[in-house]
Amino acid sequence: MKAVQVYYQCKGIPTIVHTDVEEIPSEERSILTRREYRCRHCGEKWVESINSPIILDQGVEDHLVNYFDNIIYCQQGK
């Protein structure tokens, strides 16, 4: 699964694509009421919210350049 992190309010900051995202199982989560995710590639973790990275469906994954400008991919070992 992939996710994008978009900074709409900050012009010039690239859209970050997290390439290997997994949902953290409920027994490992710190907050039980919200879904938590982590990128296995860079190690970033986040709780699902309006400002968190957006999980992409397959149709968007295949055509990222049509939806987002200035794309970079997350860096391994963050």
PDB file of N, CA and C in Angstrom:
ATOM      1  N   MET A   1       0.856  -1.152   0.000  1.00  0.00           N
ATOM      2  CA  MET A   1       0.000   0.000   0.000  1.00  0.00           C
ATOM      3  C   MET A   1       0.913   1.229   0.000  1.00  0.00           C
ATOM      4  N   LYS A   2       0.478   2.297  -0.656  1.00  0.00           N
ATOM      5  CA  LYS A   2       1.230   3.544  -0.711  1.00  0.00           C
ATOM      6  C   LYS A   2       0.427   4.664  -0.064  1.00  0.00           C
ATOM      7  N   ALA A   3       1.141   5.705   0.377  1.00  0.00           N
ATOM      8  CA  ALA A   3       0.507   6.887   0.947  1.00  0.00           C
ATOM      9  C   ALA A   3       1.268   8.116   0.470  1.00  0.00           C
ATOM     10  N   VAL A   4       0.553   9.238   0.357  1.00  0.00           N
ATOM     11  CA  VAL A   4       1.204  10.500   0.009  1.00  0.00           C
ATOM     12  C   VAL A   4       1.034  11.488   1.148  1.00  0.00           C
ATOM     13  N   GLN A   5       2.075  12.274   1.351  1.00  0.00           N
ATOM     14  CA  GLN A   5       2.071  13.318   2.364  1.00  0.00           C
ATOM     15  C   GLN A   5       2.180  14.637   1.606  1.00  0.00           C
ATOM     16  N   VAL A   6       1.082  15.411   1.613  1.00  0.00           N
ATOM     17  CA  VAL A   6       0.997  16.647   0.844  1.00  0.00           C
ATOM     18  C   VAL A   6       0.958  17.827   1.798  1.00  0.00           C
ATOM     19  N   TYR A   7       1.766  18.825   1.512  1.00  0.00           N
ATOM     20  CA  TYR A   7       1.805  20.052   2.312  1.00  0.00           C
ATOM     21  C   TYR A   7       1.110  21.147   1.519  1.00  0.00           C
ATOM     22  N   TYR A   8      -0.221  21.199   1.602  1.00  0.00           N
ATOM     23  CA  TYR A   8      -1.005  22.138   0.807  1.00  0.00           C
ATOM     24  C   TYR A   8      -0.732  23.594   1.180  1.00  0.00           C
ATOM     25  N   GLN A   9      -0.469  23.872   2.434  1.00  0.00           N
ATOM     26  CA  GLN A   9      -0.274  25.243   2.888  1.00  0.00           C
ATOM     27  C   GLN A   9       1.135  25.766   2.648  1.00  0.00           C
ATOM     28  N   CYS A  10       2.063  24.890   2.356  1.00  0.00           N
ATOM     29  CA  CYS A  10       3.468  25.288   2.186  1.00  0.00           C
ATOM     30  C   CYS A  10       3.884  25.102   0.736  1.00  0.00           C
ATOM     31  N   LYS A  11       3.872  26.162  -0.005  1.00  0.00           N
ATOM     32  CA  LYS A  11       4.255  26.102  -1.415  1.00  0.00           C
ATOM     33  C   LYS A  11       5.735  25.749  -1.528  1.00  0.00           C
ATOM     34  N   GLY A  12       6.067  24.928  -2.492  1.00  0.00           N
ATOM     35  CA  GLY A  12       7.459  24.573  -2.743  1.00  0.00           C
ATOM     36  C   GLY A  12       7.923  23.312  -2.048  1.00  0.00           C
ATOM     37  N   ILE A  13       7.173  22.825  -1.066  1.00  0.00           N
ATOM     38  CA  ILE A  13       7.553  21.570  -0.406  1.00  0.00           C
ATOM     39  C   ILE A  13       7.005  20.427  -1.245  1.00  0.00           C
ATOM     40  N   PRO A  14       7.853  19.481  -1.631  1.00  0.00           N
ATOM     41  CA  PRO A  14       7.394  18.396  -2.503  1.00  0.00           C
ATOM     42  C   PRO A  14       6.422  17.444  -1.806  1.00  0.00           C
ATOM     43  N   THR A  15       5.629  16.764  -2.608  1.00  0.00           N
ATOM     44  CA  THR A  15       4.746  15.703  -2.132  1.00  0.00           C
ATOM     45  C   THR A  15       5.601  14.466  -1.875  1.00  0.00           C
ATOM     46  N   ILE A  16       5.492  13.899  -0.681  1.00  0.00           N
ATOM     47  CA  ILE A  16       6.283  12.723  -0.317  1.00  0.00           C
ATOM     48  C   ILE A  16       5.424  11.481  -0.503  1.00  0.00           C
ATOM     49  N   VAL A  17       5.955  10.507  -1.227  1.00  0.00           N
ATOM     50  CA  VAL A  17       5.262   9.240  -1.444  1.00  0.00           C
ATOM     51  C   VAL A  17       5.918   8.186  -0.556  1.00  0.00           C
ATOM     52  N   HIS A  18       5.128   7.605   0.346  1.00  0.00           N
ATOM     53  CA  HIS A  18       5.585   6.487   1.175  1.00  0.00           C
ATOM     54  C   HIS A  18       5.228   5.214   0.413  1.00  0.00           C
ATOM     55  N   THR A  19       6.218   4.415   0.108  1.00  0.00           N
ATOM     56  CA  THR A  19       6.050   3.342  -0.872  1.00  0.00           C
ATOM     57  C   THR A  19       5.673   1.981  -0.303  1.00  0.00           C
ATOM     58  N   ASP A  20       5.854   1.762   0.973  1.00  0.00           N
ATOM     59  CA  ASP A  20       5.577   0.439   1.550  1.00  0.00           C
ATOM     60  C   ASP A  20       4.899   0.625   2.903  1.00  0.00           C
ATOM     61  N   VAL A  21       3.614   0.945   2.878  1.00  0.00           N
ATOM     62  CA  VAL A  21       2.862   1.293   4.084  1.00  0.00           C
ATOM     63  C   VAL A  21       2.071   0.085   4.576  1.00  0.00           C
ATOM     64  N   GLU A  22       2.054  -0.073   5.897  1.00  0.00           N
ATOM     65  CA  GLU A  22       1.241  -1.119   6.512  1.00  0.00           C
ATOM     66  C   GLU A  22       0.454  -0.518   7.665  1.00  0.00           C
ATOM     67  N   GLU A  23      -0.723  -1.064   7.908  1.00  0.00           N
ATOM     68  CA  GLU A  23      -1.488  -0.663   9.085  1.00  0.00           C
ATOM     69  C   GLU A  23      -0.917  -1.392  10.284  1.00  0.00           C
ATOM     70  N   ILE A  24      -0.722  -0.668  11.381  1.00  0.00           N
ATOM     71  CA  ILE A  24      -0.199  -1.268  12.601  1.00  0.00           C
ATOM     72  C   ILE A  24      -1.328  -2.053  13.259  1.00  0.00           C
ATOM     73  N   PRO A  25      -1.108  -3.334  13.563  1.00  0.00           N
ATOM     74  CA  PRO A  25      -2.169  -4.143  14.192  1.00  0.00           C
ATOM     75  C   PRO A  25      -2.618  -3.554  15.525  1.00  0.00           C
ATOM     76  N   SER A  26      -3.864  -3.774  15.879  1.00  0.00           N
ATOM     77  CA  SER A  26      -4.458  -3.160  17.072  1.00  0.00           C
ATOM     78  C   SER A  26      -3.687  -3.465  18.356  1.00  0.00           C
ATOM     79  N   GLU A  27      -3.082  -4.631  18.478  1.00  0.00           N
ATOM     80  CA  GLU A  27      -2.359  -4.959  19.706  1.00  0.00           C
ATOM     81  C   GLU A  27      -1.046  -4.176  19.836  1.00  0.00           C
ATOM     82  N   GLU A  28      -0.545  -3.581  18.752  1.00  0.00           N
ATOM     83  CA  GLU A  28       0.687  -2.787  18.798  1.00  0.00           C
ATOM     84  C   GLU A  28       0.414  -1.286  18.843  1.00  0.00           C
ATOM     85  N   ARG A  29      -0.819  -0.868  18.630  1.00  0.00           N
ATOM     86  CA  ARG A  29      -1.128   0.558  18.528  1.00  0.00           C
ATOM     87  C   ARG A  29      -1.140   1.236  19.885  1.00  0.00           C
ATOM     88  N   SER A  30      -0.783   2.522  19.863  1.00  0.00           N
ATOM     89  CA  SER A  30      -0.820   3.292  21.110  1.00  0.00           C
ATOM     90  C   SER A  30      -2.204   3.895  21.341  1.00  0.00           C
ATOM     91  N   ILE A  31      -2.931   4.180  20.267  1.00  0.00           N
ATOM     92  CA  ILE A  31      -4.294   4.713  20.360  1.00  0.00           C
ATOM     93  C   ILE A  31      -5.228   3.674  19.755  1.00  0.00           C
ATOM     94  N   LEU A  32      -6.123   3.134  20.526  1.00  0.00           N
ATOM     95  CA  LEU A  32      -6.945   2.020  20.052  1.00  0.00           C
ATOM     96  C   LEU A  32      -8.115   2.455  19.175  1.00  0.00           C
ATOM     97  N   THR A  33      -8.515   3.715  19.228  1.00  0.00           N
ATOM     98  CA  THR A  33      -9.699   4.130  18.494  1.00  0.00           C
ATOM     99  C   THR A  33      -9.408   4.592  17.070  1.00  0.00           C
ATOM    100  N   ARG A  34      -8.171   4.885  16.739  1.00  0.00           N
ATOM    101  CA  ARG A  34      -7.814   5.340  15.397  1.00  0.00           C
ATOM    102  C   ARG A  34      -6.811   4.395  14.767  1.00  0.00           C
ATOM    103  N   ARG A  35      -6.873   4.319  13.449  1.00  0.00           N
ATOM    104  CA  ARG A  35      -5.917   3.477  12.747  1.00  0.00           C
ATOM    105  C   ARG A  35      -4.556   4.156  12.707  1.00  0.00           C
ATOM    106  N   GLU A  36      -3.538   3.362  12.893  1.00  0.00           N
ATOM    107  CA  GLU A  36      -2.165   3.851  12.815  1.00  0.00           C
ATOM    108  C   GLU A  36      -1.462   3.118  11.686  1.00  0.00           C
ATOM    109  N   TYR A  37      -0.543   3.834  11.043  1.00  0.00           N
ATOM    110  CA  TYR A  37       0.197   3.280   9.909  1.00  0.00           C
ATOM    111  C   TYR A  37       1.680   3.512  10.115  1.00  0.00           C
ATOM    112  N   ARG A  38       2.491   2.717   9.402  1.00  0.00           N
ATOM    113  CA  ARG A  38       3.925   2.950   9.361  1.00  0.00           C
ATOM    114  C   ARG A  38       4.427   2.613   7.964  1.00  0.00           C
ATOM    115  N   CYS A  39       5.421   3.348   7.550  1.00  0.00           N
ATOM    116  CA  CYS A  39       6.077   3.077   6.276  1.00  0.00           C
ATOM    117  C   CYS A  39       7.249   2.147   6.573  1.00  0.00           C
ATOM    118  N   ARG A  40       7.234   0.966   6.008  1.00  0.00           N
ATOM    119  CA  ARG A  40       8.310   0.012   6.238  1.00  0.00           C
ATOM    120  C   ARG A  40       9.600   0.456   5.566  1.00  0.00           C
ATOM    121  N   HIS A  41       9.499   1.354   4.614  1.00  0.00           N
ATOM    122  CA  HIS A  41      10.678   1.813   3.893  1.00  0.00           C
ATOM    123  C   HIS A  41      11.456   2.854   4.696  1.00  0.00           C
ATOM    124  N   CYS A  42      10.780   3.898   5.206  1.00  0.00           N
ATOM    125  CA  CYS A  42      11.486   4.976   5.912  1.00  0.00           C
ATOM    126  C   CYS A  42      11.282   4.946   7.424  1.00  0.00           C
ATOM    127  N   GLY A  43      10.284   4.199   7.914  1.00  0.00           N
ATOM    128  CA  GLY A  43      10.065   4.079   9.345  1.00  0.00           C
ATOM    129  C   GLY A  43       9.096   5.087   9.943  1.00  0.00           C
ATOM    130  N   GLU A  44       8.587   6.034   9.151  1.00  0.00           N
ATOM    131  CA  GLU A  44       7.659   7.038   9.689  1.00  0.00           C
ATOM    132  C   GLU A  44       6.353   6.383  10.124  1.00  0.00           C
ATOM    133  N   LYS A  45       5.818   6.844  11.276  1.00  0.00           N
ATOM    134  CA  LYS A  45       4.537   6.360  11.795  1.00  0.00           C
ATOM    135  C   LYS A  45       3.580   7.539  11.888  1.00  0.00           C
ATOM    136  N   TRP A  46       2.284   7.259  11.717  1.00  0.00           N
ATOM    137  CA  TRP A  46       1.285   8.312  11.879  1.00  0.00           C
ATOM    138  C   TRP A  46      -0.056   7.709  12.237  1.00  0.00           C
ATOM    139  N   VAL A  47      -0.885   8.544  12.883  1.00  0.00           N
ATOM    140  CA  VAL A  47      -2.261   8.202  13.226  1.00  0.00           C
ATOM    141  C   VAL A  47      -3.133   8.807  12.140  1.00  0.00           C
ATOM    142  N   GLU A  48      -4.116   8.065  11.671  1.00  0.00           N
ATOM    143  CA  GLU A  48      -4.998   8.549  10.619  1.00  0.00           C
ATOM    144  C   GLU A  48      -5.766   9.783  11.109  1.00  0.00           C
ATOM    145  N   SER A  49      -5.571  10.886  10.397  1.00  0.00           N
ATOM    146  CA  SER A  49      -6.271  12.133  10.706  1.00  0.00           C
ATOM    147  C   SER A  49      -6.345  12.967   9.434  1.00  0.00           C
ATOM    148  N   ILE A  50      -6.950  14.125   9.532  1.00  0.00           N
ATOM    149  CA  ILE A  50      -7.113  14.979   8.360  1.00  0.00           C
ATOM    150  C   ILE A  50      -5.769  15.484   7.826  1.00  0.00           C
ATOM    151  N   ASN A  51      -4.755  15.584   8.680  1.00  0.00           N
ATOM    152  CA  ASN A  51      -3.444  16.090   8.274  1.00  0.00           C
ATOM    153  C   ASN A  51      -2.399  15.006   8.046  1.00  0.00           C
ATOM    154  N   SER A  52      -2.768  13.747   8.186  1.00  0.00           N
ATOM    155  CA  SER A  52      -1.802  12.668   8.030  1.00  0.00           C
ATOM    156  C   SER A  52      -1.652  12.292   6.552  1.00  0.00           C
ATOM    157  N   PRO A  53      -0.621  11.519   6.225  1.00  0.00           N
ATOM    158  CA  PRO A  53      -0.492  11.039   4.849  1.00  0.00           C
ATOM    159  C   PRO A  53      -1.759  10.297   4.416  1.00  0.00           C
ATOM    160  N   ILE A  54      -2.056  10.380   3.145  1.00  0.00           N
ATOM    161  CA  ILE A  54      -3.283   9.815   2.583  1.00  0.00           C
ATOM    162  C   ILE A  54      -2.975   8.457   1.960  1.00  0.00           C
ATOM    163  N   ILE A  55      -3.720   7.433   2.377  1.00  0.00           N
ATOM    164  CA  ILE A  55      -3.568   6.107   1.785  1.00  0.00           C
ATOM    165  C   ILE A  55      -4.172   6.155   0.379  1.00  0.00           C
ATOM    166  N   LEU A  56      -3.433   5.632  -0.597  1.00  0.00           N
ATOM    167  CA  LEU A  56      -3.860   5.702  -1.992  1.00  0.00           C
ATOM    168  C   LEU A  56      -4.539   4.419  -2.443  1.00  0.00           C
ATOM    169  N   ASP A  57      -5.561   4.553  -3.288  1.00  0.00           N
ATOM    170  CA  ASP A  57      -6.115   3.358  -3.908  1.00  0.00           C
ATOM    171  C   ASP A  57      -5.306   3.070  -5.171  1.00  0.00           C
ATOM    172  N   GLN A  58      -5.472   1.900  -5.737  1.00  0.00           N
ATOM    173  CA  GLN A  58      -4.645   1.436  -6.849  1.00  0.00           C
ATOM    174  C   GLN A  58      -4.737   2.351  -8.068  1.00  0.00           C
ATOM    175  N   GLY A  59      -5.914   2.897  -8.358  1.00  0.00           N
ATOM    176  CA  GLY A  59      -6.073   3.773  -9.510  1.00  0.00           C
ATOM    177  C   GLY A  59      -5.214   5.024  -9.417  1.00  0.00           C
ATOM    178  N   VAL A  60      -5.078   5.568  -8.224  1.00  0.00           N
ATOM    179  CA  VAL A  60      -4.244   6.756  -8.026  1.00  0.00           C
ATOM    180  C   VAL A  60      -2.769   6.367  -8.009  1.00  0.00           C
ATOM    181  N   GLU A  61      -2.442   5.233  -7.386  1.00  0.00           N
ATOM    182  CA  GLU A  61      -1.055   4.768  -7.339  1.00  0.00           C
ATOM    183  C   GLU A  61      -0.452   4.672  -8.732  1.00  0.00           C
ATOM    184  N   ASP A  62      -1.232   4.187  -9.671  1.00  0.00           N
ATOM    185  CA  ASP A  62      -0.731   3.970 -11.024  1.00  0.00           C
ATOM    186  C   ASP A  62      -0.547   5.260 -11.813  1.00  0.00           C
ATOM    187  N   HIS A  63      -1.123   6.373 -11.335  1.00  0.00           N
ATOM    188  CA  HIS A  63      -1.084   7.626 -12.086  1.00  0.00           C
ATOM    189  C   HIS A  63      -0.753   8.809 -11.180  1.00  0.00           C
ATOM    190  N   LEU A  64       0.221   8.662 -10.295  1.00  0.00           N
ATOM    191  CA  LEU A  64       0.559   9.708  -9.333  1.00  0.00           C
ATOM    192  C   LEU A  64       0.877  11.042 -10.002  1.00  0.00           C
ATOM    193  N   VAL A  65       1.590  11.017 -11.121  1.00  0.00           N
ATOM    194  CA  VAL A  65       1.991  12.271 -11.767  1.00  0.00           C
ATOM    195  C   VAL A  65       0.799  13.048 -12.307  1.00  0.00           C
ATOM    196  N   ASN A  66      -0.332  12.380 -12.521  1.00  0.00           N
ATOM    197  CA  ASN A  66      -1.536  13.074 -12.969  1.00  0.00           C
ATOM    198  C   ASN A  66      -2.230  13.818 -11.830  1.00  0.00           C
ATOM    199  N   TYR A  67      -1.950  13.436 -10.594  1.00  0.00           N
ATOM    200  CA  TYR A  67      -2.631  14.007  -9.435  1.00  0.00           C
ATOM    201  C   TYR A  67      -1.769  14.977  -8.630  1.00  0.00           C
ATOM    202  N   PHE A  68      -0.451  14.756  -8.606  1.00  0.00           N
ATOM    203  CA  PHE A  68       0.431  15.532  -7.741  1.00  0.00           C
ATOM    204  C   PHE A  68       1.619  16.069  -8.522  1.00  0.00           C
ATOM    205  N   ASP A  69       2.038  17.291  -8.176  1.00  0.00           N
ATOM    206  CA  ASP A  69       3.234  17.891  -8.751  1.00  0.00           C
ATOM    207  C   ASP A  69       4.387  17.735  -7.770  1.00  0.00           C
ATOM    208  N   ASN A  70       5.608  17.789  -8.280  1.00  0.00           N
ATOM    209  CA  ASN A  70       6.805  17.821  -7.440  1.00  0.00           C
ATOM    210  C   ASN A  70       6.842  16.645  -6.457  1.00  0.00           C
ATOM    211  N   ILE A  71       6.888  15.428  -6.975  1.00  0.00           N
ATOM    212  CA  ILE A  71       6.849  14.202  -6.166  1.00  0.00           C
ATOM    213  C   ILE A  71       8.264  13.744  -5.846  1.00  0.00           C
ATOM    214  N   ILE A  72       8.478  13.355  -4.578  1.00  0.00           N
ATOM    215  CA  ILE A  72       9.693  12.648  -4.181  1.00  0.00           C
ATOM    216  C   ILE A  72       9.273  11.397  -3.400  1.00  0.00           C
ATOM    217  N   TYR A  73      10.140  10.407  -3.346  1.00  0.00           N
ATOM    218  CA  TYR A  73       9.850   9.185  -2.603  1.00  0.00           C
ATOM    219  C   TYR A  73      10.592   9.222  -1.267  1.00  0.00           C
ATOM    220  N   CYS A  74       9.987   8.629  -0.239  1.00  0.00           N
ATOM    221  CA  CYS A  74      10.593   8.629   1.090  1.00  0.00           C
ATOM    222  C   CYS A  74      11.969   7.968   1.039  1.00  0.00           C
ATOM    223  N   GLN A  75      12.805   8.322   1.994  1.00  0.00           N
ATOM    224  CA  GLN A  75      14.162   7.803   2.050  1.00  0.00           C
ATOM    225  C   GLN A  75      14.247   6.671   3.057  1.00  0.00           C
ATOM    226  N   GLN A  76      14.954   5.629   2.707  1.00  0.00           N
ATOM    227  CA  GLN A  76      15.082   4.467   3.584  1.00  0.00           C
ATOM    228  C   GLN A  76      15.883   4.797   4.822  1.00  0.00           C
ATOM    229  N   GLY A  77      15.484   4.186   5.938  1.00  0.00           N
ATOM    230  CA  GLY A  77      16.221   4.280   7.185  1.00  0.00           C
ATOM    231  C   GLY A  77      16.115   5.590   7.905  1.00  0.00           C
ATOM    232  N   LYS A  78      14.973   6.234   7.825  1.00  0.00           N
ATOM    233  CA  LYS A  78      14.764   7.522   8.491  1.00  0.00           C
ATOM    234  C   LYS A  78      14.862   7.391   9.977  1.00  0.00           C
TER     235      LYS A  78
END
